[in-house]
């Protein structure tokens, strides 16, 4: 009987090592996944904060551009011109000569700038 038991000892030890290795691997895997998940969450939070700052900056720029547009409209009105913006077109009305000119708004790359000599 003891000799039969001794033949199973290496098998029992091997199974124990296999089960222990599997448990250790799972714990390591779970721990590593937790670390990766934490890093992804931190990166997404940073991205979200950056986008919120960009949105705030864009909102301020929109307000500024609306003020500039209103100032231009007032200045043109003082010179006898009215500017109307309707969707994709701008209409310039000469109140004195009763003439109008309508132009389509050209949508180009946001970084395109009209040279000063062409204005």
Protein backbone atom coordinates (compact mmCIF):
# COMPACT_ATOMS: atom_id res chain seq x y z
CA UNK A 1 0.00 0.00 0.00
CA UNK A 2 2.70 2.54 0.79
CA UNK A 3 4.36 1.85 -2.55
CA UNK A 4 1.07 2.46 -4.35
CA UNK A 5 0.70 5.73 -2.48
CA UNK A 6 4.23 6.75 -3.47
CA UNK A 7 3.39 6.32 -7.13
CA UNK A 8 0.54 8.82 -6.82
CA UNK A 9 2.55 11.44 -4.89
CA UNK A 10 4.19 12.97 -8.02
CA UNK A 11 0.79 13.10 -9.73
CA UNK A 12 -0.81 14.77 -6.68
CA UNK A 13 2.08 17.25 -6.45
CA UNK A 14 1.81 17.99 -10.18
CA UNK A 15 -1.94 18.57 -9.93
CA UNK A 16 -1.40 20.79 -6.89
CA UNK A 17 1.21 22.83 -8.75
CA UNK A 18 -1.05 23.06 -11.79
CA UNK A 19 -4.03 24.27 -9.73
CA UNK A 20 -1.83 26.67 -7.74
CA UNK A 21 -0.28 28.04 -10.93
CA UNK A 22 -3.71 28.54 -12.45
CA UNK A 23 -4.97 30.39 -9.37
CA UNK A 24 -1.82 32.55 -9.29
CA UNK A 25 -2.19 33.31 -13.00
CA UNK A 26 -5.84 34.33 -12.55
CA UNK A 27 -5.02 36.62 -9.63
CA UNK A 28 -2.16 38.22 -11.57
CA UNK A 29 -4.39 38.62 -14.60
CA UNK A 30 -7.16 40.23 -12.54
CA UNK A 31 -4.67 42.55 -10.87
CA UNK A 32 -3.14 43.57 -14.21
CA UNK A 33 -6.61 44.14 -15.71
CA UNK A 34 -7.46 46.36 -12.74
CA UNK A 35 -4.33 48.44 -13.35
CA UNK A 36 -5.08 48.73 -17.08
CA UNK A 37 -8.71 49.64 -16.37
CA UNK A 38 -7.58 52.35 -13.95
CA UNK A 39 -5.19 53.81 -16.53
CA UNK A 40 -7.89 53.84 -19.21
CA UNK A 41 -10.32 55.58 -16.85
CA UNK A 42 -7.68 58.20 -15.98
CA UNK A 43 -6.92 58.77 -19.67
CA UNK A 44 -10.62 59.15 -20.50
CA UNK A 45 -11.10 61.60 -17.63
CA UNK A 46 -8.16 63.68 -18.88
CA UNK A 47 -9.58 63.61 -22.42
CA UNK A 48 -13.00 64.63 -21.12
CA UNK A 49 -11.52 67.56 -19.18
CA UNK A 50 -9.56 68.68 -22.25
CA UNK A 51 -12.71 68.54 -24.38
CA UNK A 52 -14.66 70.52 -21.77
CA UNK A 53 -11.95 73.22 -21.90
CA UNK A 54 -12.12 73.22 -25.71
CA UNK A 55 -15.91 73.58 -25.60
CA UNK A 56 -15.64 76.50 -23.17
CA UNK A 57 -13.05 78.15 -25.43
CA UNK A 58 -15.24 77.62 -28.51
CA UNK A 59 -18.27 79.05 -26.72
CA UNK A 60 -16.29 82.17 -25.79
CA UNK A 61 -15.09 82.49 -29.40
CA UNK A 62 -18.67 82.20 -30.69
CA UNK A 63 -19.79 84.98 -28.35
CA UNK A 64 -16.86 87.13 -29.49
CA UNK A 65 -17.60 86.51 -33.17
CA UNK A 66 -21.29 87.35 -32.66
CA UNK A 67 -20.25 90.64 -31.07
CA UNK A 68 -17.92 91.36 -34.00
CA UNK A 69 -20.73 90.57 -36.45
CA UNK A 70 -23.14 92.86 -34.60
CA UNK A 71 -20.53 95.63 -34.63
CA UNK A 72 -20.04 95.19 -38.38
CA UNK A 73 -23.81 95.29 -38.93
CA UNK A 74 -24.11 98.51 -36.92
CA UNK A 75 -21.19 100.11 -38.77
CA UNK A 76 -22.64 99.17 -42.15
CA UNK A 77 -26.10 100.39 -41.15
CA UNK A 78 -24.59 103.80 -40.30
CA UNK A 79 -23.21 103.89 -43.85
CA UNK A 80 -26.59 103.05 -45.32
CA UNK A 81 -26.06 99.32 -45.80
CA UNK A 82 -27.95 96.47 -44.19
CA UNK A 83 -26.56 92.98 -43.93
CA UNK A 84 -28.86 89.98 -43.58
CA UNK A 85 -27.64 86.49 -42.85
CA UNK A 86 -30.02 83.72 -43.87
CA UNK A 87 -28.63 80.23 -43.46
CA UNK A 88 -26.02 79.77 -46.20
CA UNK A 89 -26.32 83.21 -47.78
CA UNK A 90 -25.54 86.80 -46.91
CA UNK A 91 -27.52 89.63 -48.46
CA UNK A 92 -26.08 93.15 -48.55
CA UNK A 93 -28.79 95.78 -49.04
CA UNK A 94 -27.97 99.34 -50.07
CA UNK A 95 -30.69 101.42 -48.44
CA UNK A 96 -29.87 104.52 -50.44
CA UNK A 97 -29.70 103.03 -53.93
CA UNK A 98 -32.15 100.26 -53.20
CA UNK A 99 -29.84 97.59 -54.59
CA UNK A 100 -29.12 94.21 -53.10
CA UNK A 101 -26.39 91.65 -53.49
CA UNK A 102 -26.65 88.09 -52.22
CA UNK A 103 -23.62 85.87 -51.77
CA UNK A 104 -23.33 82.26 -50.71
CA UNK A 105 -21.27 81.60 -47.61
CA UNK A 106 -18.20 79.68 -48.73
CA UNK A 107 -17.51 76.93 -46.24
CA UNK A 108 -13.78 76.25 -46.25
CA UNK A 109 -11.23 74.85 -43.89
CA UNK A 110 -11.44 76.59 -40.54
CA UNK A 111 -7.78 77.60 -40.80
CA UNK A 112 -8.17 79.32 -44.19
CA UNK A 113 -7.57 83.01 -43.86
CA UNK A 114 -8.47 85.60 -46.46
CA UNK A 115 -5.37 87.68 -47.27
CA UNK A 116 -5.72 91.36 -46.32
CA UNK A 117 -5.14 92.51 -49.92
CA UNK A 118 -8.22 90.55 -51.09
CA UNK A 119 -10.62 92.03 -48.52
